Structure formats: C-alpha cells, structure tokens
C-alpha cells in the first residue's frame, strides 16, 4: 500500500518530516520514496518478498519504509542492538531475500550476510538450528543511495487509493525471553485500523507534530510513520540517532513545538528527574506505554502538569488496544482506559470463561488491529488466537466503568507456597522507600516454596539502605508471603532497546546463589528470612 500518495494529492506542501533545522514536505518525501522504490525494483525486490531492514531514526529510513510499502514488500525490521549472528538467524526464520541498509548501517548488513553463510554451514551439524524452508542461501544487501528528487506526477491511475487489506506489511519479532523468537505478521489493514482507532480516541489537529522516540523495529515507531501520513501531520526525528537523553527530549519538544510523544515509563521517569521546567506549551499528549506505569510516576507527572495518556497494547495488537486520555488519567490515575474503536476486551479465567467486573484474569482482545498470526508457527498462532480472541498473557481487570486496569504479565506472576504475588504491588511499596529509585521484583525457583520472591533495587545517588532495612519496610506494608526473601542492590536495571526492564536478566541475576552487589558488603546481598 502506498501511504503517501493520497496525502501528496491532498496536501503536498504540508510538513512531513522535521529534524534539526531541516524539513521535508509530503511532496518531497514522496519523490524520495519513489526514487528508492525504483532502486529497490532494480535490486530485484518484488511484491511479497521479505526484506530485512536496518533502519535508524533518519529521513532516509522513513523514505525506505514508505518505498518498501509501496512495492508491497514485507518489511522485516531488525533490532539494531542484536549481534550479526542473531540478526542472521531472524533473517533465516523470516525467509528474507534482501537487506536494506542506510549508510550508517551498511557495515552491519554486510556482517549479517557473512553470519548468514556461517549459520548455514553450522545448520548441517546442529539439529537445533532450524531455518525456514525456502530461505535464500545468499542475502543481497541493498544500501540506500542518494536520490535526486525529481518532480513526479502522483495522480496516476491505479496508484491513488489502494484499499487496506490483509496482505502482510511487516513481520516483527516479539521480545520473548525464552525459546525461538516468533515473527508477528501484521497486515496493511492492521496498521490502518490502528491509526484510525488512535485518531478517534486522541483526536488529530492540523498542526500536530509527533516526536519519534521509539525505534523503527518497534511497532510503536512504525505506527507513527503510517499514522502521520494518513493524518497529514508531521513526524519530528532526532537530529542524530543517539541513545535516549532526557535533556535532548525536553529541548526537542520545546524547540520543535511537539504536540505528541510516545514514551515508556523509564523515559518519563528520567525526564522528570533531569528537567524541573514545566511541560513544553504545545505538548497535548504523552502516550505512556510499553510497561505498567507506576502510580508514583503518574502522580509526579500529573503534579508537574504533563498531559499523560496511559496506553495498553502489544506487538500482536499493532500497538494500542486501550488508551486513557489525559483528562481520564487525571480523574482515574492508573487505568489504561477503554478499548479503542472496534476493539473488544474481555477478562477470562484459566478455562477462557469470561470473569465478572473487578475480577483479575487474563486480558484477551478481538478487533481489526489484531495480528494475522505468527509466521510459519501454526502451533503458537493457535495458542495465541484460540476461540477467535488474542490471548495476551497479561493479567488485569475491568472496573464498573468498563476501564481496563493492567496488573501484571502472567509470565511475571509469582506463585510462592500456593499464594499469588503480583510484582507490581511489591515494586510500588519498594519505590515508596525514600532511598529507592527503581525496583524489579521476580520469582526465583525454590525447592520448598516453588518460587521465592526476589528483588533487585537501585538506590538514589548518595542514598543508603540495606536489604534488612528494605525488608523491614516491606513487612510493615505487605503480607509476609509478598515480602522479598532475596535481595540485590544494583547500579541500574538491565533494559531492552525500548526501555522495558529485562525481567529475564534480573531473574538470572537473582537466581545465583548468594548474589553479591558492588553496593552491599559480603553477606548482606542475600536475605533468607
């Protein structure tokens, strides 16, 4: 589907991309994408082919996404933080034929091609390596070259208004912590209905500018590109694709008059810690998602005047499934609001039976933004989409207003001695301690109790607290079975590229016998009360 052509015909001189002191109109972006489309055609990229993409948050990358979509190729964005071997394995699983790279990522692309050859040599000797049948043995690297913008007539027959359909637009690898990665198959229709539903909930203003903070291998980052083209609004790009910096974030929002920004809780926390100034005046919504928003973080953001819109979604729902608008968040902090337009949400028990309001169970979804399944994985698809509903693996409940409250990932639930422990509840108590900046609570295997509650804690700079003091603090506020029995004080928590805490890494750390911390003396890091 060509997302740009209708917009170019309607409003060619509207701003499409802004970065630093530069700007591209939709006409200019369309001409750039058309030039890349021709380059991709010469390279042999055809409709339906799977094309891996190493795309930083740059104008060339945005043009490449639109060019591949216009050619009806299937985009397979690769996480730029993976090793070449990991990327090559994903390329093999997705049956990729080409790798598209920018000047900044061309070297990585060549390393993936080499790793792909090594992977295939190893495949014959290692039965655990399974490469999808039909994958090309040689990946072709296509480096995006410079394109001279040529005046183009976009109002040609059969190119104006393609109807969004069920053809695959992107394969996005889910961030599973165990087992073989799964590629979620998202269609053109998924992205279209997601854009429509988000606009219905949040509204669209002609002067909207959405700051791209999320990577383009994240469904939230891709969605911003397609939504903005559909809305005719501008995407603000970083001046350079550098690691997240809260001072840069604030100054960019203020200077570029950003109205919308998507953040994960960690980003918002760092912004509030680093910048004491009031929110930029043009900012109308901070879409907060990717992980549950801690109540104290919401309270701080609201007290500072930030227009937070809490969201809930996942890759398999093409991003947002429920969203609470800023007024709703101020009225009812903690909820992620009602389902988006045409999305239905239920709470079910372990036998997939609907639960009454207020009861905690698994969150299941149904609607046009729900993905088409996992690529070449019918078993996983059948499990995820059983009964016609997407089973998210997340735990939550619906209140009497029909608003959704997310409690925890089912996989994060701790069962200790037959009692359910929700990590979010324990983490909220720990963050209430004046010395604690961040906390991650996980379950570690225990022969007696099944699982033992364990906590990794980051203290504020110059703050001091021992595991024994933290344990005593928790015992005053929590039932005994919820109190962590194993502790580790750490300088920071391991995170994914999108800012989520990597609970699997924390669990490995805390599963070690007598884990030691650079911040605690020997013997204090593990409490076995």
Protein backbone atom coordinates (compact mmCIF):
# COMPACT_ATOMS: atom_id res chain seq x y z
CA UNK A 1 0.00 0.00 0.00
CA UNK A 2 1.23 3.47 -0.82
CA UNK A 3 0.51 5.55 2.28
CA UNK A 4 1.99 8.73 0.81
CA UNK A 5 0.14 9.15 -2.49
CA UNK A 6 -3.28 10.16 -1.09
CA UNK A 7 -1.61 12.63 1.25
CA UNK A 8 0.54 14.10 -1.55
CA UNK A 9 -2.52 14.58 -3.76
CA UNK A 10 -4.43 16.18 -0.88
CA UNK A 11 -1.78 18.41 0.75
CA UNK A 12 1.63 18.13 -0.93
CA UNK A 13 3.23 21.11 0.81
CA UNK A 14 2.41 20.08 4.38
CA UNK A 15 5.41 19.26 6.57
CA UNK A 16 6.10 15.52 6.64
CA UNK A 17 9.49 15.25 8.37
CA UNK A 18 11.29 17.71 10.65
CA UNK A 19 14.77 17.21 12.06
CA UNK A 20 17.12 19.85 13.38
CA UNK A 21 16.60 22.95 11.26
CA UNK A 22 15.52 20.95 8.20
CA UNK A 23 12.09 19.96 6.86
CA UNK A 24 10.65 17.80 4.08
CA UNK A 25 7.16 18.28 2.68
CA UNK A 26 4.99 15.31 1.76
CA UNK A 27 5.72 16.00 -1.90
CA UNK A 28 9.48 15.87 -1.27
CA UNK A 29 9.21 12.75 0.89
CA UNK A 30 7.09 11.13 -1.82
CA UNK A 31 9.65 11.95 -4.51
CA UNK A 32 12.41 10.48 -2.33
CA UNK A 33 10.38 7.33 -1.67
CA UNK A 34 9.57 7.00 -5.39
CA UNK A 35 13.29 7.15 -6.22
CA UNK A 36 14.06 4.46 -3.64
CA UNK A 37 11.20 2.35 -4.95
CA UNK A 38 12.84 2.37 -8.37
CA UNK A 39 16.20 1.49 -6.80
CA UNK A 40 14.62 -1.44 -4.96
CA UNK A 41 12.99 -2.63 -8.17
CA UNK A 42 16.40 -2.69 -9.89
CA UNK A 43 17.75 -4.69 -6.97
CA UNK A 44 15.10 -7.34 -7.55
CA UNK A 45 12.77 -6.56 -4.63
CA UNK A 46 9.26 -7.59 -5.70
CA UNK A 47 5.82 -7.71 -4.13
CA UNK A 48 5.54 -10.29 -1.37
CA UNK A 49 9.28 -10.67 -0.81
CA UNK A 50 10.54 -10.42 2.76
CA UNK A 51 13.06 -7.59 3.13
CA UNK A 52 15.10 -7.13 6.29
CA UNK A 53 15.77 -3.53 7.21
CA UNK A 54 18.45 -1.93 9.36
CA UNK A 55 16.81 1.43 9.87
CA UNK A 56 17.89 4.09 12.36
CA UNK A 57 15.57 7.04 13.02
CA UNK A 58 16.67 9.06 9.97
CA UNK A 59 14.88 10.65 6.98
CA UNK A 60 16.38 8.04 4.63
CA UNK A 61 14.96 5.26 6.78
CA UNK A 62 11.48 6.84 6.73
CA UNK A 63 11.62 7.12 2.93
CA UNK A 64 12.73 3.47 2.72
CA UNK A 65 9.81 2.27 4.84
CA UNK A 66 7.35 4.03 2.54
CA UNK A 67 9.15 2.80 -0.59
CA UNK A 68 9.04 -0.84 0.55
CA UNK A 69 5.37 -0.50 1.47
CA UNK A 70 4.61 0.97 -1.96
CA UNK A 71 6.37 -2.03 -3.59
CA UNK A 72 4.20 -4.27 -1.39
CA UNK A 73 7.29 -5.95 0.01
CA UNK A 74 7.10 -7.37 3.54
CA UNK A 75 9.19 -5.28 5.91
CA UNK A 76 11.25 -7.22 8.49
CA UNK A 77 12.82 -4.57 10.76
CA UNK A 78 15.84 -5.83 12.67
CA UNK A 79 16.78 -4.74 16.17
CA UNK A 80 19.97 -2.74 15.66
CA UNK A 81 21.29 -3.90 19.04
CA UNK A 82 21.38 -7.59 18.11
CA UNK A 83 24.57 -9.35 17.09
CA UNK A 84 25.10 -10.22 13.41
CA UNK A 85 24.50 -13.88 14.24
CA UNK A 86 21.20 -13.09 15.95
CA UNK A 87 20.10 -10.95 13.01
CA UNK A 88 21.11 -13.65 10.53
CA UNK A 89 19.03 -16.20 12.44
CA UNK A 90 15.98 -13.91 12.23
CA UNK A 91 16.59 -13.36 8.52
CA UNK A 92 16.64 -17.12 8.01
CA UNK A 93 13.48 -17.66 10.04
CA UNK A 94 11.67 -14.95 8.06
CA UNK A 95 12.95 -16.23 4.67
CA UNK A 96 14.46 -12.84 3.89
CA UNK A 97 15.87 -12.26 0.40
CA UNK A 98 17.32 -8.74 0.76
CA UNK A 99 18.67 -6.48 3.48
CA UNK A 100 18.06 -2.74 3.12
CA UNK A 101 20.52 -0.55 4.98
CA UNK A 102 21.37 3.11 5.26
CA UNK A 103 24.89 4.48 5.07
CA UNK A 104 25.10 4.20 8.87
CA UNK A 105 24.10 0.53 8.97
CA UNK A 106 25.63 -0.84 5.74
CA UNK A 107 28.57 -2.38 7.63
CA UNK A 108 26.15 -4.26 9.91
CA UNK A 109 24.29 -5.53 6.87
CA UNK A 110 27.46 -6.98 5.39
CA UNK A 111 28.23 -8.68 8.72
CA UNK A 112 24.75 -10.23 8.69
CA UNK A 113 25.38 -11.64 5.21
CA UNK A 114 28.61 -13.23 6.42
CA UNK A 115 26.88 -14.55 9.55
CA UNK A 116 24.11 -15.98 7.35
CA UNK A 117 26.66 -18.03 5.41
CA UNK A 118 28.20 -19.27 8.66
CA UNK A 119 24.74 -20.13 10.01
CA UNK A 120 24.04 -22.35 7.01
CA UNK A 121 27.35 -24.17 7.39
CA UNK A 122 26.53 -24.83 11.05
CA UNK A 123 23.00 -25.92 10.25
CA UNK A 124 24.08 -29.26 8.85
CA UNK A 125 25.96 -30.15 12.02
CA UNK A 126 23.50 -28.75 14.55
CA UNK A 127 20.00 -30.19 14.57
CA UNK A 128 18.80 -27.47 16.98
CA UNK A 129 19.27 -24.81 14.32
CA UNK A 130 16.10 -24.71 12.27
CA UNK A 131 15.97 -22.46 9.24
CA UNK A 132 12.65 -21.94 7.48
CA UNK A 133 12.33 -23.87 4.24
CA UNK A 134 12.62 -21.63 1.21
CA UNK A 135 15.02 -19.12 2.77
CA UNK A 136 17.54 -17.74 0.31
CA UNK A 137 21.05 -19.04 0.81
CA UNK A 138 22.56 -15.69 -0.11
CA UNK A 139 21.22 -12.40 1.22
CA UNK A 140 21.55 -9.41 -1.05
CA UNK A 141 22.47 -6.15 0.67
CA UNK A 142 20.82 -3.03 -0.78
CA UNK A 143 22.38 0.17 0.52
CA UNK A 144 20.17 3.22 0.17
CA UNK A 145 21.97 5.54 -2.19
CA UNK A 146 21.50 9.24 -2.72
CA UNK A 147 18.37 10.02 -4.71
CA UNK A 148 17.89 13.19 -6.71
CA UNK A 149 14.36 14.44 -6.14
CA UNK A 150 12.51 14.57 -9.43
CA UNK A 151 9.11 16.22 -9.98
CA UNK A 152 6.65 13.34 -10.04
CA UNK A 153 3.00 13.04 -11.06
CA UNK A 154 1.46 11.04 -8.23
CA UNK A 155 -2.11 11.26 -9.53
CA UNK A 156 -1.67 8.36 -11.96
CA UNK A 157 -4.28 5.62 -12.49
CA UNK A 158 -4.26 2.69 -10.04
CA UNK A 159 -1.85 4.41 -7.66
CA UNK A 160 -4.05 6.71 -5.63
CA UNK A 161 -6.18 4.98 -3.06
CA UNK A 162 -5.39 1.30 -2.53
CA UNK A 163 -7.81 -0.29 -0.07
CA UNK A 164 -6.11 -1.57 3.12
CA UNK A 165 -6.24 -5.35 3.00
CA UNK A 166 -4.96 -8.46 4.72
CA UNK A 167 -1.69 -8.62 2.78
CA UNK A 168 1.29 -8.68 5.16
CA UNK A 169 3.01 -5.33 5.62
CA UNK A 170 5.57 -6.23 8.30
CA UNK A 171 6.99 -9.14 10.28
CA UNK A 172 8.00 -8.01 13.75
CA UNK A 173 9.90 -10.33 16.05
CA UNK A 174 8.40 -10.44 19.50
CA UNK A 175 10.64 -9.89 22.51
CA UNK A 176 10.10 -13.32 24.02
CA UNK A 177 12.51 -14.21 26.80
CA UNK A 178 12.70 -17.93 26.09
CA UNK A 179 12.50 -20.24 23.11
CA UNK A 180 12.66 -19.48 19.42
CA UNK A 181 11.74 -15.90 18.50
CA UNK A 182 8.32 -15.53 16.88
CA UNK A 183 7.62 -13.18 13.98
CA UNK A 184 4.23 -11.49 14.33
CA UNK A 185 2.60 -11.00 10.92
CA UNK A 186 0.98 -7.55 10.76
CA UNK A 187 -1.13 -6.58 7.77
CA UNK A 188 -1.81 -3.31 5.99
CA UNK A 189 -5.32 -3.40 7.47
CA UNK A 190 -3.90 -3.84 10.98
CA UNK A 191 -1.89 -0.62 10.70
CA UNK A 192 -4.77 1.26 9.05
CA UNK A 193 -7.35 0.36 11.72
CA UNK A 194 -4.82 1.04 14.46
CA UNK A 195 -4.25 4.54 13.05
CA UNK A 196 -7.97 5.18 12.70
CA UNK A 197 -8.76 4.00 16.23
CA UNK A 198 -5.94 6.03 17.78
CA UNK A 199 -7.14 9.17 15.99
CA UNK A 200 -10.71 8.52 17.14
CA UNK A 201 -9.55 8.38 20.78
CA UNK A 202 -6.91 11.14 20.84
CA UNK A 203 -8.08 13.39 18.03
CA UNK A 204 -5.98 14.90 15.24
CA UNK A 205 -5.02 18.56 14.87
CA UNK A 206 -3.60 20.04 11.63
CA UNK A 207 -0.51 21.31 13.44
CA UNK A 208 0.25 18.02 15.25
CA UNK A 209 3.90 17.01 15.40
CA UNK A 210 4.74 13.53 16.71
CA UNK A 211 8.27 13.10 18.09
CA UNK A 212 9.76 9.72 17.08
CA UNK A 213 11.45 8.41 20.22
CA UNK A 214 10.76 4.70 19.65
CA UNK A 215 12.95 2.66 17.27
CA UNK A 216 11.63 1.68 13.84
CA UNK A 217 11.93 -2.03 14.71
CA UNK A 218 9.27 -1.39 17.38
CA UNK A 219 5.60 -1.47 16.35
CA UNK A 220 5.08 1.87 18.09
CA UNK A 221 7.79 3.51 15.98
CA UNK A 222 6.46 2.17 12.68
CA UNK A 223 2.93 3.17 13.61
CA UNK A 224 3.96 6.81 13.99
CA UNK A 225 5.14 6.89 10.37
CA UNK A 226 1.95 5.39 8.92
CA UNK A 227 -0.39 7.33 11.19
CA UNK A 228 1.21 10.66 10.39
CA UNK A 229 0.99 10.02 6.65
CA UNK A 230 -2.68 9.13 7.00
CA UNK A 231 -3.38 12.18 9.19
CA UNK A 232 -1.25 14.61 7.16
CA UNK A 233 0.75 15.61 10.24
CA UNK A 234 4.50 15.86 10.80
CA UNK A 235 7.00 13.43 12.30
CA UNK A 236 9.84 15.01 14.27
CA UNK A 237 13.06 12.99 14.06
CA UNK A 238 16.12 13.18 16.31
CA UNK A 239 18.87 15.34 14.85
CA UNK A 240 21.05 12.24 15.31
CA UNK A 241 20.02 8.69 16.15
CA UNK A 242 21.68 8.69 19.58
CA UNK A 243 20.81 6.98 22.89
CA UNK A 244 17.93 8.47 24.83
CA UNK A 245 18.77 11.67 26.67
CA UNK A 246 16.13 13.46 28.78
CA UNK A 247 17.58 16.94 28.27
CA UNK A 248 17.56 16.39 24.50
CA UNK A 249 13.98 15.12 24.72
CA UNK A 250 12.75 18.22 26.54
CA UNK A 251 14.61 20.71 24.35
CA UNK A 252 13.43 18.99 21.16
CA UNK A 253 9.80 19.04 22.33
CA UNK A 254 10.07 22.70 23.23
CA UNK A 255 12.01 23.90 20.19
CA UNK A 256 10.11 21.86 17.59
CA UNK A 257 6.69 22.56 19.16
CA UNK A 258 5.97 18.86 19.56
CA UNK A 259 2.34 18.02 20.37
CA UNK A 260 2.56 14.21 20.72
CA UNK A 261 5.28 11.93 22.06
CA UNK A 262 5.36 8.22 22.85
CA UNK A 263 7.36 7.25 25.93
CA UNK A 264 7.90 4.19 28.10
CA UNK A 265 7.80 4.74 31.88
CA UNK A 266 11.60 4.75 32.16
CA UNK A 267 11.85 7.65 29.71
CA UNK A 268 9.24 9.67 31.60
CA UNK A 269 10.99 8.93 34.92
CA UNK A 270 14.31 10.16 33.55
CA UNK A 271 12.68 13.26 32.07
CA UNK A 272 11.14 14.20 35.42
CA UNK A 273 14.42 13.56 37.23
CA UNK A 274 16.55 15.61 34.83
CA UNK A 275 14.30 18.56 33.92
CA UNK A 276 12.45 20.65 36.50
CA UNK A 277 10.86 23.07 34.00
CA UNK A 278 7.12 22.81 33.24
CA UNK A 279 5.99 20.78 30.19
CA UNK A 280 6.53 22.42 26.80
CA UNK A 281 3.46 24.54 26.00
CA UNK A 282 2.48 22.77 22.74
CA UNK A 283 2.54 19.26 24.22
CA UNK A 284 -1.01 17.86 24.29
CA UNK A 285 -0.40 14.15 24.99
CA UNK A 286 2.37 11.91 26.31
CA UNK A 287 1.40 8.40 25.24
CA UNK A 288 2.78 6.25 28.03
CA UNK A 289 3.01 2.52 27.32
CA UNK A 290 5.30 -0.45 26.89
CA UNK A 291 5.05 -1.34 30.59
CA UNK A 292 2.75 -0.66 33.50
CA UNK A 293 3.07 2.93 34.74
CA UNK A 294 3.95 3.01 38.47
CA UNK A 295 1.41 5.05 40.47
CA UNK A 296 4.08 7.29 41.97
CA UNK A 297 5.43 8.10 38.49
CA UNK A 298 1.96 9.07 37.30
CA UNK A 299 1.43 11.21 40.39
CA UNK A 300 4.69 13.08 39.80
CA UNK A 301 3.96 13.62 36.10
CA UNK A 302 0.43 14.87 36.77
CA UNK A 303 1.63 17.16 39.56
CA UNK A 304 4.10 18.70 37.10
CA UNK A 305 1.34 19.23 34.54
CA UNK A 306 2.29 16.62 31.94
CA UNK A 307 -0.72 15.51 29.82
CA UNK A 308 -0.20 11.76 30.23
CA UNK A 309 -2.32 9.34 28.18
CA UNK A 310 -1.75 5.83 29.52
CA UNK A 311 -1.95 3.12 26.86
CA UNK A 312 -2.03 -0.65 26.71
CA UNK A 313 -1.11 -2.73 23.70
CA UNK A 314 1.39 -5.19 22.30
CA UNK A 315 3.01 -6.10 19.01
CA UNK A 316 0.26 -8.60 18.28
CA UNK A 317 -2.41 -5.89 18.58
CA UNK A 318 -0.43 -3.49 16.33
CA UNK A 319 0.30 -1.25 19.32
CA UNK A 320 -2.58 0.46 21.16
CA UNK A 321 -5.57 -1.62 22.24
CA UNK A 322 -6.79 0.66 25.05
CA UNK A 323 -5.97 4.26 25.92
CA UNK A 324 -6.97 6.68 28.67
CA UNK A 325 -6.94 10.31 27.55
CA UNK A 326 -5.16 12.92 29.71
CA UNK A 327 -8.43 14.07 31.38
CA UNK A 328 -9.31 10.43 32.12
CA UNK A 329 -5.87 9.79 33.61
CA UNK A 330 -6.22 12.83 35.88
CA UNK A 331 -9.63 11.62 37.00
CA UNK A 332 -8.62 7.96 37.46
CA UNK A 333 -4.81 7.53 37.66
CA UNK A 334 -3.64 4.00 36.89
CA UNK A 335 -6.23 2.88 34.38
CA UNK A 336 -5.32 2.44 30.71
CA UNK A 337 -8.86 3.38 29.76
CA UNK A 338 -11.42 1.82 27.47
CA UNK A 339 -10.78 -0.27 24.35
CA UNK A 340 -10.09 1.66 21.18
CA UNK A 341 -12.64 1.89 18.38
CA UNK A 342 -13.70 -1.57 17.08
CA UNK A 343 -11.55 -3.37 19.70
CA UNK A 344 -13.20 -5.59 22.30
CA UNK A 345 -11.58 -6.57 25.59
CA UNK A 346 -12.56 -9.41 27.92
CA UNK A 347 -11.12 -10.77 31.13
CA UNK A 348 -11.13 -14.58 31.26
CA UNK A 349 -10.14 -17.31 33.71
CA UNK A 350 -7.75 -20.21 33.09
CA UNK A 351 -10.51 -22.02 31.17
CA UNK A 352 -11.19 -18.97 28.94
CA UNK A 353 -14.50 -18.25 30.68
CA UNK A 354 -15.41 -14.54 31.00
CA UNK A 355 -14.96 -13.12 34.51
CA UNK A 356 -17.19 -10.52 36.18
CA UNK A 357 -16.15 -6.88 36.59
CA UNK A 358 -13.44 -6.37 39.17
CA UNK A 359 -12.04 -9.92 38.93
CA UNK A 360 -8.42 -10.35 37.87
CA UNK A 361 -7.81 -12.66 34.92
CA UNK A 362 -6.14 -12.83 31.53
CA UNK A 363 -6.73 -9.92 29.15
CA UNK A 364 -8.00 -11.09 25.73
CA UNK A 365 -8.61 -8.90 22.67
CA UNK A 366 -10.61 -9.00 19.47
CA UNK A 367 -10.69 -6.48 16.63
CA UNK A 368 -9.32 -5.44 13.22
CA UNK A 369 -5.89 -4.42 14.55
CA UNK A 370 -5.19 -7.92 15.93
CA UNK A 371 -2.37 -9.59 14.01
CA UNK A 372 -2.74 -12.38 11.44
CA UNK A 373 -0.64 -14.88 13.39
CA UNK A 374 2.96 -15.92 13.88
CA UNK A 375 4.82 -16.56 10.65
CA UNK A 376 5.35 -20.28 9.96
CA UNK A 377 4.28 -21.15 13.51
CA UNK A 378 0.75 -22.57 13.45
CA UNK A 379 1.03 -24.01 16.96
CA UNK A 380 1.91 -20.68 18.55
CA UNK A 381 -0.75 -18.95 16.43
CA UNK A 382 -3.42 -21.41 17.55
CA UNK A 383 -2.48 -20.86 21.20
CA UNK A 384 -2.50 -17.06 20.87
CA UNK A 385 -5.70 -16.78 18.83
CA UNK A 386 -7.78 -19.58 20.32
CA UNK A 387 -11.51 -19.02 20.27
CA UNK A 388 -11.12 -16.02 17.98
CA UNK A 389 -9.53 -13.90 20.73
CA UNK A 390 -5.93 -12.76 21.14
CA UNK A 391 -4.72 -14.15 24.46
CA UNK A 392 -2.22 -11.57 25.67
CA UNK A 393 -0.76 -13.39 28.67
CA UNK A 394 -1.34 -10.19 30.67
CA UNK A 395 -3.37 -10.04 33.86
CA UNK A 396 -5.88 -7.29 34.55
CA UNK A 397 -9.48 -6.42 35.31
CA UNK A 398 -12.31 -4.20 34.07
CA UNK A 399 -13.94 -1.82 36.52
CA UNK A 400 -17.60 -0.81 36.63
CA UNK A 401 -16.98 1.95 34.06
CA UNK A 402 -15.51 -0.55 31.60
CA UNK A 403 -11.99 0.83 32.06
CA UNK A 404 -9.08 -1.61 31.91
CA UNK A 405 -6.54 -1.95 34.72
CA UNK A 406 -3.37 -3.94 33.93
CA UNK A 407 -1.96 -5.83 36.89
CA UNK A 408 0.95 -7.88 35.54
CA UNK A 409 2.25 -10.16 32.87
CA UNK A 410 1.02 -13.69 33.52
CA UNK A 411 4.59 -14.85 32.98
CA UNK A 412 5.72 -12.40 35.70
CA UNK A 413 3.21 -13.70 38.27
CA UNK A 414 4.98 -15.26 41.25
CA UNK A 415 3.39 -18.28 42.95
CA UNK A 416 5.04 -18.82 46.33
CA UNK A 417 3.68 -21.52 48.61
CA UNK A 418 0.42 -21.53 46.63
CA UNK A 419 -0.06 -17.75 47.05
CA UNK A 420 -0.12 -15.37 44.08
CA UNK A 421 2.27 -12.43 44.30
CA UNK A 422 1.97 -9.58 41.79
CA UNK A 423 5.41 -7.98 41.29
CA UNK A 424 3.89 -4.57 40.52
CA UNK A 425 2.41 -4.39 44.01
CA UNK A 426 5.72 -5.17 45.72
CA UNK A 427 7.62 -2.80 43.41
CA UNK A 428 5.23 0.03 44.29
CA UNK A 429 5.94 -0.48 48.00
CA UNK A 430 9.70 -0.53 47.43
CA UNK A 431 9.59 2.68 45.38
CA UNK A 432 7.81 4.34 48.31
CA UNK A 433 11.01 3.94 50.37
CA UNK A 434 12.87 7.28 50.28
CA UNK A 435 16.18 5.64 49.33
CA UNK A 436 14.81 3.60 46.41
CA UNK A 437 14.89 4.92 42.83
CA UNK A 438 13.84 1.76 40.98
CA UNK A 439 12.97 -1.84 41.79
CA UNK A 440 12.29 -5.05 39.90
CA UNK A 441 10.65 -7.99 41.68
CA UNK A 442 10.79 -11.51 40.20
CA UNK A 443 10.27 -15.09 41.27
CA UNK A 444 13.24 -17.47 41.56
CA UNK A 445 12.89 -21.24 41.77
CA UNK A 446 12.79 -22.67 45.28
CA UNK A 447 12.58 -26.35 46.22
CA UNK A 448 10.36 -25.69 49.26
CA UNK A 449 8.09 -22.87 48.15
CA UNK A 450 8.03 -23.39 44.37
CA UNK A 451 9.15 -19.80 43.93
CA UNK A 452 10.77 -17.31 46.26
CA UNK A 453 10.17 -13.57 45.93
CA UNK A 454 13.36 -11.70 45.00
CA UNK A 455 14.13 -8.03 44.37
CA UNK A 456 16.79 -6.05 42.54
CA UNK A 457 16.89 -2.47 43.81
CA UNK A 458 18.53 0.73 42.53
CA UNK A 459 19.10 3.38 45.19
CA UNK A 460 19.08 7.13 44.66
CA UNK A 461 22.57 8.69 44.38
CA UNK A 462 24.18 9.04 47.83
CA UNK A 463 21.23 7.22 49.43
CA UNK A 464 21.87 4.27 51.73
CA UNK A 465 19.72 1.32 52.69
CA UNK A 466 20.50 -2.29 53.50
CA UNK A 467 18.44 -5.30 52.37
CA UNK A 468 17.43 -5.81 56.01
CA UNK A 469 16.06 -2.26 56.20
CA UNK A 470 14.18 -2.68 52.93
CA UNK A 471 12.74 -5.98 54.11
CA UNK A 472 11.53 -4.40 57.36
CA UNK A 473 9.95 -1.58 55.36
CA UNK A 474 8.07 -4.10 53.20
CA UNK A 475 6.88 -6.15 56.21
CA UNK A 476 5.09 -3.10 57.57
CA UNK A 477 3.13 -2.75 54.32
CA UNK A 478 2.77 -6.21 52.79
CA UNK A 479 1.60 -9.66 53.78
CA UNK A 480 4.52 -11.86 54.76
CA UNK A 481 4.38 -14.07 51.67
CA UNK A 482 4.81 -10.99 49.43
CA UNK A 483 8.00 -9.77 51.10
CA UNK A 484 11.18 -10.42 49.06
CA UNK A 485 13.44 -13.05 50.62
CA UNK A 486 16.37 -12.46 48.29
CA UNK A 487 17.86 -9.05 47.51
CA UNK A 488 20.45 -7.42 45.36
CA UNK A 489 21.35 -3.73 45.25
CA UNK A 490 22.48 -2.82 41.73
CA UNK A 491 23.70 0.35 39.98
CA UNK A 492 20.93 0.04 37.35
CA UNK A 493 18.43 -2.43 35.92
CA UNK A 494 19.01 -4.20 32.59
CA UNK A 495 16.68 -2.91 29.87
CA UNK A 496 15.58 -3.64 26.34
CA UNK A 497 16.08 -1.17 23.49
CA UNK A 498 12.58 0.23 24.08
CA UNK A 499 13.32 0.86 27.78
CA UNK A 500 11.48 -2.08 29.35
CA UNK A 501 13.15 -3.83 32.27
CA UNK A 502 14.54 -7.20 31.16
CA UNK A 503 12.99 -9.35 33.85
CA UNK A 504 14.66 -12.47 32.47
CA UNK A 505 18.10 -10.90 33.09
CA UNK A 506 17.07 -9.82 36.61
CA UNK A 507 15.77 -13.32 37.29
CA UNK A 508 19.09 -14.86 36.19
CA UNK A 509 20.98 -12.45 38.42
CA UNK A 510 18.85 -13.18 41.46
CA UNK A 511 18.85 -16.94 40.84
CA UNK A 512 22.55 -17.09 41.59
CA UNK A 513 23.44 -18.48 44.96
CA UNK A 514 24.38 -15.71 47.41
CA UNK A 515 24.40 -12.96 44.75
CA UNK A 516 26.81 -10.16 45.57
CA UNK A 517 26.40 -6.48 44.84
CA UNK A 518 29.03 -3.79 44.45
CA UNK A 519 26.88 -1.63 46.72
CA UNK A 520 26.48 -4.12 49.58
CA UNK A 521 29.04 -5.83 51.81
CA UNK A 522 29.53 -9.59 51.51
CA UNK A 523 26.69 -11.44 53.17
CA UNK A 524 24.15 -8.61 53.05
CA UNK A 525 23.06 -9.09 49.46
CA UNK A 526 21.01 -12.20 50.20
CA UNK A 527 18.39 -12.23 52.93
CA UNK A 528 16.91 -15.63 53.75
CA UNK A 529 14.49 -14.56 56.50
